Amino acid sequence: FEKTLHNRLGIDQEAMEALEQQIE
């Protein structure tokens, strides 16, 4: 669901995952 939503919004999934990993 998250990936579908991000794709629909046009969010760069790789950049978002990298930021989330750094946050974790």
mmCIF file of all heavy atoms, coordinates in Angstrom:
data_MODEL
# 
_entry.id   MODEL 
# 
loop_
_atom_site.group_PDB 
_atom_site.id 
_atom_site.type_symbol 
_atom_site.label_atom_id 
_atom_site.label_alt_id 
_atom_site.label_comp_id 
_atom_site.label_asym_id 
_atom_site.label_entity_id 
_atom_site.label_seq_id 
_atom_site.pdbx_PDB_ins_code 
_atom_site.Cartn_x 
_atom_site.Cartn_y 
_atom_site.Cartn_z 
_atom_site.occupancy 
_atom_site.B_iso_or_equiv 
_atom_site.pdbx_formal_charge 
_atom_site.auth_seq_id 
_atom_site.auth_comp_id 
_atom_site.auth_asym_id 
_atom_site.auth_atom_id 
_atom_site.pdbx_PDB_model_num 
ATOM 1   N N   . PHE A 1 1  ? 0.836  -1.205 0.000   1.00 0.00 ? 1  PHE A N   1 
ATOM 2   C CA  . PHE A 1 1  ? 0.000  0.000  0.000   1.00 0.00 ? 1  PHE A CA  1 
ATOM 3   C C   . PHE A 1 1  ? 0.866  1.249  0.000   1.00 0.00 ? 1  PHE A C   1 
ATOM 4   O O   . PHE A 1 1  ? 0.616  2.205  -0.726  1.00 0.00 ? 1  PHE A O   1 
ATOM 5   C CB  . PHE A 1 1  ? -0.925 0.010  1.222   1.00 0.00 ? 1  PHE A CB  1 
ATOM 6   C CG  . PHE A 1 1  ? -1.737 1.264  1.338   1.00 0.00 ? 1  PHE A CG  1 
ATOM 7   C CD1 . PHE A 1 1  ? -2.810 1.482  0.494   1.00 0.00 ? 1  PHE A CD1 1 
ATOM 8   C CD2 . PHE A 1 1  ? -1.421 2.229  2.272   1.00 0.00 ? 1  PHE A CD2 1 
ATOM 9   C CE1 . PHE A 1 1  ? -3.556 2.641  0.585   1.00 0.00 ? 1  PHE A CE1 1 
ATOM 10  C CE2 . PHE A 1 1  ? -2.151 3.383  2.367   1.00 0.00 ? 1  PHE A CE2 1 
ATOM 11  C CZ  . PHE A 1 1  ? -3.234 3.596  1.526   1.00 0.00 ? 1  PHE A CZ  1 
ATOM 12  N N   . GLU A 1 2  ? 1.908  1.242  0.829   1.00 0.00 ? 2  GLU A N   1 
ATOM 13  C CA  . GLU A 1 2  ? 2.802  2.393  0.914   1.00 0.00 ? 2  GLU A CA  1 
ATOM 14  C C   . GLU A 1 2  ? 3.481  2.659  -0.424  1.00 0.00 ? 2  GLU A C   1 
ATOM 15  O O   . GLU A 1 2  ? 3.543  3.805  -0.883  1.00 0.00 ? 2  GLU A O   1 
ATOM 16  C CB  . GLU A 1 2  ? 3.869  2.100  1.984   1.00 0.00 ? 2  GLU A CB  1 
ATOM 17  C CG  . GLU A 1 2  ? 4.265  3.294  2.793   1.00 0.00 ? 2  GLU A CG  1 
ATOM 18  C CD  . GLU A 1 2  ? 5.171  2.870  3.926   1.00 0.00 ? 2  GLU A CD  1 
ATOM 19  O OE1 . GLU A 1 2  ? 6.395  2.803  3.697   1.00 0.00 ? 2  GLU A OE1 1 
ATOM 20  O OE2 . GLU A 1 2  ? 4.656  2.628  5.024   1.00 0.00 ? 2  GLU A OE2 1 
ATOM 21  N N   . LYS A 1 3  ? 3.971  1.616  -1.064  1.00 0.00 ? 3  LYS A N   1 
ATOM 22  C CA  . LYS A 1 3  ? 4.652  1.791  -2.350  1.00 0.00 ? 3  LYS A CA  1 
ATOM 23  C C   . LYS A 1 3  ? 3.693  2.292  -3.421  1.00 0.00 ? 3  LYS A C   1 
ATOM 24  O O   . LYS A 1 3  ? 4.052  3.136  -4.239  1.00 0.00 ? 3  LYS A O   1 
ATOM 25  C CB  . LYS A 1 3  ? 5.312  0.482  -2.786  1.00 0.00 ? 3  LYS A CB  1 
ATOM 26  C CG  . LYS A 1 3  ? 6.547  0.173  -1.982  1.00 0.00 ? 3  LYS A CG  1 
ATOM 27  C CD  . LYS A 1 3  ? 7.251  -1.054 -2.469  1.00 0.00 ? 3  LYS A CD  1 
ATOM 28  C CE  . LYS A 1 3  ? 8.503  -1.276 -1.630  1.00 0.00 ? 3  LYS A CE  1 
ATOM 29  N NZ  . LYS A 1 3  ? 9.310  -2.355 -2.114  1.00 0.00 ? 3  LYS A NZ  1 
ATOM 30  N N   . THR A 1 4  ? 2.469  1.774  -3.405  1.00 0.00 ? 4  THR A N   1 
ATOM 31  C CA  . THR A 1 4  ? 1.468  2.232  -4.368  1.00 0.00 ? 4  THR A CA  1 
ATOM 32  C C   . THR A 1 4  ? 1.144  3.701  -4.150  1.00 0.00 ? 4  THR A C   1 
ATOM 33  O O   . THR A 1 4  ? 1.062  4.482  -5.098  1.00 0.00 ? 4  THR A O   1 
ATOM 34  C CB  . THR A 1 4  ? 0.188  1.386  -4.250  1.00 0.00 ? 4  THR A CB  1 
ATOM 35  O OG1 . THR A 1 4  ? 0.542  0.017  -4.436  1.00 0.00 ? 4  THR A OG1 1 
ATOM 36  C CG2 . THR A 1 4  ? -0.841 1.796  -5.272  1.00 0.00 ? 4  THR A CG2 1 
ATOM 37  N N   . LEU A 1 5  ? 0.968  4.078  -2.893  1.00 0.00 ? 5  LEU A N   1 
ATOM 38  C CA  . LEU A 1 5  ? 0.667  5.466  -2.569  1.00 0.00 ? 5  LEU A CA  1 
ATOM 39  C C   . LEU A 1 5  ? 1.813  6.386  -2.970  1.00 0.00 ? 5  LEU A C   1 
ATOM 40  O O   . LEU A 1 5  ? 1.590  7.440  -3.582  1.00 0.00 ? 5  LEU A O   1 
ATOM 41  C CB  . LEU A 1 5  ? 0.378  5.605  -1.075  1.00 0.00 ? 5  LEU A CB  1 
ATOM 42  C CG  . LEU A 1 5  ? 0.050  6.993  -0.573  1.00 0.00 ? 5  LEU A CG  1 
ATOM 43  C CD1 . LEU A 1 5  ? -1.247 7.484  -1.196  1.00 0.00 ? 5  LEU A CD1 1 
ATOM 44  C CD2 . LEU A 1 5  ? -0.049 6.998  0.930   1.00 0.00 ? 5  LEU A CD2 1 
ATOM 45  N N   . HIS A 1 6  ? 3.032  5.991  -2.658  1.00 0.00 ? 6  HIS A N   1 
ATOM 46  C CA  . HIS A 1 6  ? 4.189  6.812  -3.009  1.00 0.00 ? 6  HIS A CA  1 
ATOM 47  C C   . HIS A 1 6  ? 4.347  6.926  -4.518  1.00 0.00 ? 6  HIS A C   1 
ATOM 48  O O   . HIS A 1 6  ? 4.688  7.992  -5.030  1.00 0.00 ? 6  HIS A O   1 
ATOM 49  C CB  . HIS A 1 6  ? 5.455  6.244  -2.386  1.00 0.00 ? 6  HIS A CB  1 
ATOM 50  C CG  . HIS A 1 6  ? 5.443  6.326  -0.894  1.00 0.00 ? 6  HIS A CG  1 
ATOM 51  N ND1 . HIS A 1 6  ? 6.197  5.501  -0.114  1.00 0.00 ? 6  HIS A ND1 1 
ATOM 52  C CD2 . HIS A 1 6  ? 4.771  7.121  -0.031  1.00 0.00 ? 6  HIS A CD2 1 
ATOM 53  C CE1 . HIS A 1 6  ? 5.992  5.777  1.154   1.00 0.00 ? 6  HIS A CE1 1 
ATOM 54  N NE2 . HIS A 1 6  ? 5.124  6.753  1.227   1.00 0.00 ? 6  HIS A NE2 1 
ATOM 55  N N   . ASN A 1 7  ? 4.095  5.853  -5.219  1.00 0.00 ? 7  ASN A N   1 
ATOM 56  C CA  . ASN A 1 7  ? 4.165  5.886  -6.676  1.00 0.00 ? 7  ASN A CA  1 
ATOM 57  C C   . ASN A 1 7  ? 3.120  6.846  -7.231  1.00 0.00 ? 7  ASN A C   1 
ATOM 58  O O   . ASN A 1 7  ? 3.390  7.612  -8.151  1.00 0.00 ? 7  ASN A O   1 
ATOM 59  C CB  . ASN A 1 7  ? 3.974  4.483  -7.246  1.00 0.00 ? 7  ASN A CB  1 
ATOM 60  C CG  . ASN A 1 7  ? 4.208  4.425  -8.727  1.00 0.00 ? 7  ASN A CG  1 
ATOM 61  O OD1 . ASN A 1 7  ? 4.895  5.269  -9.288  1.00 0.00 ? 7  ASN A OD1 1 
ATOM 62  N ND2 . ASN A 1 7  ? 3.639  3.432  -9.360  1.00 0.00 ? 7  ASN A ND2 1 
ATOM 63  N N   . ARG A 1 8  ? 1.924  6.800  -6.678  1.00 0.00 ? 8  ARG A N   1 
ATOM 64  C CA  . ARG A 1 8  ? 0.837  7.671  -7.128  1.00 0.00 ? 8  ARG A CA  1 
ATOM 65  C C   . ARG A 1 8  ? 1.171  9.134  -6.867  1.00 0.00 ? 8  ARG A C   1 
ATOM 66  O O   . ARG A 1 8  ? 0.856  10.006 -7.681  1.00 0.00 ? 8  ARG A O   1 
ATOM 67  C CB  . ARG A 1 8  ? -0.455 7.282  -6.404  1.00 0.00 ? 8  ARG A CB  1 
ATOM 68  C CG  . ARG A 1 8  ? -1.625 8.150  -6.716  1.00 0.00 ? 8  ARG A CG  1 
ATOM 69  C CD  . ARG A 1 8  ? -2.215 7.768  -8.044  1.00 0.00 ? 8  ARG A CD  1 
ATOM 70  N NE  . ARG A 1 8  ? -3.419 8.542  -8.264  1.00 0.00 ? 8  ARG A NE  1 
ATOM 71  C CZ  . ARG A 1 8  ? -3.695 9.188  -9.368  1.00 0.00 ? 8  ARG A CZ  1 
ATOM 72  N NH1 . ARG A 1 8  ? -2.862 9.128  -10.379 1.00 0.00 ? 8  ARG A NH1 1 
ATOM 73  N NH2 . ARG A 1 8  ? -4.792 9.865  -9.486  1.00 0.00 ? 8  ARG A NH2 1 
ATOM 74  N N   . LEU A 1 9  ? 1.813  9.386  -5.738  1.00 0.00 ? 9  LEU A N   1 
ATOM 75  C CA  . LEU A 1 9  ? 2.180  10.767 -5.396  1.00 0.00 ? 9  LEU A CA  1 
ATOM 76  C C   . LEU A 1 9  ? 3.444  11.228 -6.104  1.00 0.00 ? 9  LEU A C   1 
ATOM 77  O O   . LEU A 1 9  ? 3.757  12.412 -6.091  1.00 0.00 ? 9  LEU A O   1 
ATOM 78  C CB  . LEU A 1 9  ? 2.356  10.911 -3.885  1.00 0.00 ? 9  LEU A CB  1 
ATOM 79  C CG  . LEU A 1 9  ? 1.097  10.745 -3.053  1.00 0.00 ? 9  LEU A CG  1 
ATOM 80  C CD1 . LEU A 1 9  ? 1.443  10.770 -1.577  1.00 0.00 ? 9  LEU A CD1 1 
ATOM 81  C CD2 . LEU A 1 9  ? 0.083  11.813 -3.384  1.00 0.00 ? 9  LEU A CD2 1 
ATOM 82  N N   . GLY A 1 10 ? 4.190  10.312 -6.688  1.00 0.00 ? 10 GLY A N   1 
ATOM 83  C CA  . GLY A 1 10 ? 5.406  10.676 -7.396  1.00 0.00 ? 10 GLY A CA  1 
ATOM 84  C C   . GLY A 1 10 ? 6.619  10.822 -6.487  1.00 0.00 ? 10 GLY A C   1 
ATOM 85  O O   . GLY A 1 10 ? 7.552  11.548 -6.796  1.00 0.00 ? 10 GLY A O   1 
ATOM 86  N N   . ILE A 1 11 ? 6.598  10.150 -5.366  1.00 0.00 ? 11 ILE A N   1 
ATOM 87  C CA  . ILE A 1 11 ? 7.717  10.220 -4.426  1.00 0.00 ? 11 ILE A CA  1 
ATOM 88  C C   . ILE A 1 11 ? 8.807  9.268  -4.894  1.00 0.00 ? 11 ILE A C   1 
ATOM 89  O O   . ILE A 1 11 ? 8.535  8.131  -5.276  1.00 0.00 ? 11 ILE A O   1 
ATOM 90  C CB  . ILE A 1 11 ? 7.261  9.848  -3.003  1.00 0.00 ? 11 ILE A CB  1 
ATOM 91  C CG1 . ILE A 1 11 ? 6.228  10.867 -2.510  1.00 0.00 ? 11 ILE A CG1 1 
ATOM 92  C CG2 . ILE A 1 11 ? 8.432  9.770  -2.048  1.00 0.00 ? 11 ILE A CG2 1 
ATOM 93  C CD1 . ILE A 1 11 ? 5.613  10.517 -1.175  1.00 0.00 ? 11 ILE A CD1 1 
ATOM 94  N N   . ASP A 1 12 ? 10.056 9.743  -4.850  1.00 0.00 ? 12 ASP A N   1 
ATOM 95  C CA  . ASP A 1 12 ? 11.194 8.903  -5.198  1.00 0.00 ? 12 ASP A CA  1 
ATOM 96  C C   . ASP A 1 12 ? 11.358 7.851  -4.105  1.00 0.00 ? 12 ASP A C   1 
ATOM 97  O O   . ASP A 1 12 ? 11.785 8.149  -2.993  1.00 0.00 ? 12 ASP A O   1 
ATOM 98  C CB  . ASP A 1 12 ? 12.452 9.757  -5.322  1.00 0.00 ? 12 ASP A CB  1 
ATOM 99  C CG  . ASP A 1 12 ? 13.660 8.960  -5.744  1.00 0.00 ? 12 ASP A CG  1 
ATOM 100 O OD1 . ASP A 1 12 ? 13.504 7.787  -6.156  1.00 0.00 ? 12 ASP A OD1 1 
ATOM 101 O OD2 . ASP A 1 12 ? 14.780 9.511  -5.667  1.00 0.00 ? 12 ASP A OD2 1 
ATOM 102 N N   . GLN A 1 13 ? 10.991 6.628  -4.415  1.00 0.00 ? 13 GLN A N   1 
ATOM 103 C CA  . GLN A 1 13 ? 10.964 5.560  -3.425  1.00 0.00 ? 13 GLN A CA  1 
ATOM 104 C C   . GLN A 1 13 ? 12.353 5.249  -2.881  1.00 0.00 ? 13 GLN A C   1 
ATOM 105 O O   . GLN A 1 13 ? 12.524 5.023  -1.695  1.00 0.00 ? 13 GLN A O   1 
ATOM 106 C CB  . GLN A 1 13 ? 10.344 4.302  -4.042  1.00 0.00 ? 13 GLN A CB  1 
ATOM 107 C CG  . GLN A 1 13 ? 10.030 3.213  -3.056  1.00 0.00 ? 13 GLN A CG  1 
ATOM 108 C CD  . GLN A 1 13 ? 8.909  3.571  -2.104  1.00 0.00 ? 13 GLN A CD  1 
ATOM 109 O OE1 . GLN A 1 13 ? 8.024  4.324  -2.436  1.00 0.00 ? 13 GLN A OE1 1 
ATOM 110 N NE2 . GLN A 1 13 ? 8.967  3.029  -0.914  1.00 0.00 ? 13 GLN A NE2 1 
ATOM 111 N N   . GLU A 1 14 ? 13.359 5.254  -3.750  1.00 0.00 ? 14 GLU A N   1 
ATOM 112 C CA  . GLU A 1 14 ? 14.717 4.935  -3.300  1.00 0.00 ? 14 GLU A CA  1 
ATOM 113 C C   . GLU A 1 14 ? 15.232 5.980  -2.319  1.00 0.00 ? 14 GLU A C   1 
ATOM 114 O O   . GLU A 1 14 ? 15.830 5.646  -1.296  1.00 0.00 ? 14 GLU A O   1 
ATOM 115 C CB  . GLU A 1 14 ? 15.652 4.816  -4.490  1.00 0.00 ? 14 GLU A CB  1 
ATOM 116 C CG  . GLU A 1 14 ? 15.357 3.612  -5.365  1.00 0.00 ? 14 GLU A CG  1 
ATOM 117 C CD  . GLU A 1 14 ? 16.221 3.586  -6.614  1.00 0.00 ? 14 GLU A CD  1 
ATOM 118 O OE1 . GLU A 1 14 ? 17.121 4.434  -6.755  1.00 0.00 ? 14 GLU A OE1 1 
ATOM 119 O OE2 . GLU A 1 14 ? 15.990 2.694  -7.447  1.00 0.00 ? 14 GLU A OE2 1 
ATOM 120 N N   . ALA A 1 15 ? 14.997 7.259  -2.636  1.00 0.00 ? 15 ALA A N   1 
ATOM 121 C CA  . ALA A 1 15 ? 15.446 8.324  -1.737  1.00 0.00 ? 15 ALA A CA  1 
ATOM 122 C C   . ALA A 1 15 ? 14.711 8.242  -0.408  1.00 0.00 ? 15 ALA A C   1 
ATOM 123 O O   . ALA A 1 15 ? 15.312 8.425  0.664   1.00 0.00 ? 15 ALA A O   1 
ATOM 124 C CB  . ALA A 1 15 ? 15.223 9.686  -2.377  1.00 0.00 ? 15 ALA A CB  1 
ATOM 125 N N   . MET A 1 16 ? 13.432 7.939  -0.479  1.00 0.00 ? 16 MET A N   1 
ATOM 126 C CA  . MET A 1 16 ? 12.639 7.843  0.746   1.00 0.00 ? 16 MET A CA  1 
ATOM 127 C C   . MET A 1 16 ? 13.106 6.675  1.607   1.00 0.00 ? 16 MET A C   1 
ATOM 128 O O   . MET A 1 16 ? 13.241 6.812  2.828   1.00 0.00 ? 16 MET A O   1 
ATOM 129 C CB  . MET A 1 16 ? 11.166 7.697  0.410   1.00 0.00 ? 16 MET A CB  1 
ATOM 130 C CG  . MET A 1 16 ? 10.275 7.721  1.608   1.00 0.00 ? 16 MET A CG  1 
ATOM 131 S SD  . MET A 1 16 ? 8.599  7.960  1.082   1.00 0.00 ? 16 MET A SD  1 
ATOM 132 C CE  . MET A 1 16 ? 7.880  8.456  2.617   1.00 0.00 ? 16 MET A CE  1 
ATOM 133 N N   . GLU A 1 17 ? 13.360 5.540  0.989   1.00 0.00 ? 17 GLU A N   1 
ATOM 134 C CA  . GLU A 1 17 ? 13.836 4.383  1.744   1.00 0.00 ? 17 GLU A CA  1 
ATOM 135 C C   . GLU A 1 17 ? 15.209 4.650  2.359   1.00 0.00 ? 17 GLU A C   1 
ATOM 136 O O   . GLU A 1 17 ? 15.481 4.231  3.487   1.00 0.00 ? 17 GLU A O   1 
ATOM 137 C CB  . GLU A 1 17 ? 13.876 3.148  0.853   1.00 0.00 ? 17 GLU A CB  1 
ATOM 138 C CG  . GLU A 1 17 ? 12.511 2.604  0.523   1.00 0.00 ? 17 GLU A CG  1 
ATOM 139 C CD  . GLU A 1 17 ? 12.547 1.448  -0.452  1.00 0.00 ? 17 GLU A CD  1 
ATOM 140 O OE1 . GLU A 1 17 ? 13.644 1.089  -0.941  1.00 0.00 ? 17 GLU A OE1 1 
ATOM 141 O OE2 . GLU A 1 17 ? 11.463 0.901  -0.742  1.00 0.00 ? 17 GLU A OE2 1 
ATOM 142 N N   . ALA A 1 18 ? 16.069 5.351  1.631   1.00 0.00 ? 18 ALA A N   1 
ATOM 143 C CA  . ALA A 1 18 ? 17.395 5.683  2.168   1.00 0.00 ? 18 ALA A CA  1 
ATOM 144 C C   . ALA A 1 18 ? 17.262 6.598  3.385   1.00 0.00 ? 18 ALA A C   1 
ATOM 145 O O   . ALA A 1 18 ? 17.938 6.388  4.402   1.00 0.00 ? 18 ALA A O   1 
ATOM 146 C CB  . ALA A 1 18 ? 18.250 6.346  1.098   1.00 0.00 ? 18 ALA A CB  1 
ATOM 147 N N   . LEU A 1 19 ? 16.387 7.594  3.279   1.00 0.00 ? 19 LEU A N   1 
ATOM 148 C CA  . LEU A 1 19 ? 16.170 8.496  4.423   1.00 0.00 ? 19 LEU A CA  1 
ATOM 149 C C   . LEU A 1 19 ? 15.577 7.751  5.612   1.00 0.00 ? 19 LEU A C   1 
ATOM 150 O O   . LEU A 1 19 ? 16.004 7.960  6.760   1.00 0.00 ? 19 LEU A O   1 
ATOM 151 C CB  . LEU A 1 19 ? 15.250 9.655  4.023   1.00 0.00 ? 19 LEU A CB  1 
ATOM 152 C CG  . LEU A 1 19 ? 15.877 10.768 3.193   1.00 0.00 ? 19 LEU A CG  1 
ATOM 153 C CD1 . LEU A 1 19 ? 14.814 11.748 2.721   1.00 0.00 ? 19 LEU A CD1 1 
ATOM 154 C CD2 . LEU A 1 19 ? 16.936 11.503 4.004   1.00 0.00 ? 19 LEU A CD2 1 
ATOM 155 N N   . GLU A 1 20 ? 14.617 6.886  5.355   1.00 0.00 ? 20 GLU A N   1 
ATOM 156 C CA  . GLU A 1 20 ? 14.012 6.118  6.443   1.00 0.00 ? 20 GLU A CA  1 
ATOM 157 C C   . GLU A 1 20 ? 15.028 5.208  7.109   1.00 0.00 ? 20 GLU A C   1 
ATOM 158 O O   . GLU A 1 20 ? 15.020 5.042  8.333   1.00 0.00 ? 20 GLU A O   1 
ATOM 159 C CB  . GLU A 1 20 ? 12.822 5.310  5.928   1.00 0.00 ? 20 GLU A CB  1 
ATOM 160 C CG  . GLU A 1 20 ? 11.611 6.162  5.622   1.00 0.00 ? 20 GLU A CG  1 
ATOM 161 C CD  . GLU A 1 20 ? 10.470 5.387  4.994   1.00 0.00 ? 20 GLU A CD  1 
ATOM 162 O OE1 . GLU A 1 20 ? 10.688 4.243  4.514   1.00 0.00 ? 20 GLU A OE1 1 
ATOM 163 O OE2 . GLU A 1 20 ? 9.350  5.928  4.983   1.00 0.00 ? 20 GLU A OE2 1 
ATOM 164 N N   . GLN A 1 21 ? 15.930 4.625  6.317   1.00 0.00 ? 21 GLN A N   1 
ATOM 165 C CA  . GLN A 1 21 ? 16.966 3.762  6.888   1.00 0.00 ? 21 GLN A CA  1 
ATOM 166 C C   . GLN A 1 21 ? 17.926 4.575  7.753   1.00 0.00 ? 21 GLN A C   1 
ATOM 167 O O   . GLN A 1 21 ? 18.306 4.147  8.841   1.00 0.00 ? 21 GLN A O   1 
ATOM 168 C CB  . GLN A 1 21 ? 17.735 3.034  5.775   1.00 0.00 ? 21 GLN A CB  1 
ATOM 169 C CG  . GLN A 1 21 ? 18.782 2.080  6.286   1.00 0.00 ? 21 GLN A CG  1 
ATOM 170 C CD  . GLN A 1 21 ? 18.198 0.958  7.115   1.00 0.00 ? 21 GLN A CD  1 
ATOM 171 O OE1 . GLN A 1 21 ? 17.144 0.431  6.792   1.00 0.00 ? 21 GLN A OE1 1 
ATOM 172 N NE2 . GLN A 1 21 ? 18.867 0.594  8.185   1.00 0.00 ? 21 GLN A NE2 1 
ATOM 173 N N   . GLN A 1 22 ? 18.311 5.750  7.286   1.00 0.00 ? 22 GLN A N   1 
ATOM 174 C CA  . GLN A 1 22 ? 19.186 6.617  8.078   1.00 0.00 ? 22 GLN A CA  1 
ATOM 175 C C   . GLN A 1 22 ? 18.497 7.045  9.369   1.00 0.00 ? 22 GLN A C   1 
ATOM 176 O O   . GLN A 1 22 ? 19.139 7.114  10.424  1.00 0.00 ? 22 GLN A O   1 
ATOM 177 C CB  . GLN A 1 22 ? 19.601 7.843  7.266   1.00 0.00 ? 22 GLN A CB  1 
ATOM 178 C CG  . GLN A 1 22 ? 20.572 7.543  6.154   1.00 0.00 ? 22 GLN A CG  1 
ATOM 179 C CD  . GLN A 1 22 ? 20.903 8.772  5.328   1.00 0.00 ? 22 GLN A CD  1 
ATOM 180 O OE1 . GLN A 1 22 ? 20.310 9.831  5.493   1.00 0.00 ? 22 GLN A OE1 1 
ATOM 181 N NE2 . GLN A 1 22 ? 21.851 8.622  4.419   1.00 0.00 ? 22 GLN A NE2 1 
ATOM 182 N N   . ILE A 1 23 ? 17.198 7.324  9.293   1.00 0.00 ? 23 ILE A N   1 
ATOM 183 C CA  . ILE A 1 23 ? 16.452 7.702  10.496  1.00 0.00 ? 23 ILE A CA  1 
ATOM 184 C C   . ILE A 1 23 ? 16.441 6.550  11.488  1.00 0.00 ? 23 ILE A C   1 
ATOM 185 O O   . ILE A 1 23 ? 16.667 6.748  12.693  1.00 0.00 ? 23 ILE A O   1 
ATOM 186 C CB  . ILE A 1 23 ? 15.018 8.140  10.122  1.00 0.00 ? 23 ILE A CB  1 
ATOM 187 C CG1 . ILE A 1 23 ? 15.056 9.508  9.437   1.00 0.00 ? 23 ILE A CG1 1 
ATOM 188 C CG2 . ILE A 1 23 ? 14.117 8.185  11.353  1.00 0.00 ? 23 ILE A CG2 1 
ATOM 189 C CD1 . ILE A 1 23 ? 13.727 9.961  8.856   1.00 0.00 ? 23 ILE A CD1 1 
ATOM 190 N N   . GLU A 1 24 ? 16.198 5.333  11.008  1.00 0.00 ? 24 GLU A N   1 
ATOM 191 C CA  . GLU A 1 24 ? 16.192 4.160  11.888  1.00 0.00 ? 24 GLU A CA  1 
ATOM 192 C C   . GLU A 1 24 ? 17.564 3.953  12.531  1.00 0.00 ? 24 GLU A C   1 
ATOM 193 O O   . GLU A 1 24 ? 17.658 3.662  13.716  1.00 0.00 ? 24 GLU A O   1 
ATOM 194 C CB  . GLU A 1 24 ? 15.784 2.906  11.109  1.00 0.00 ? 24 GLU A CB  1 
ATOM 195 C CG  . GLU A 1 24 ? 14.320 2.835  10.804  1.00 0.00 ? 24 GLU A CG  1 
ATOM 196 C CD  . GLU A 1 24 ? 13.456 2.730  12.048  1.00 0.00 ? 24 GLU A CD  1 
ATOM 197 O OE1 . GLU A 1 24 ? 13.832 2.007  12.990  1.00 0.00 ? 24 GLU A OE1 1 
ATOM 198 O OE2 . GLU A 1 24 ? 12.409 3.400  12.080  1.00 0.00 ? 24 GLU A OE2 1 
# 
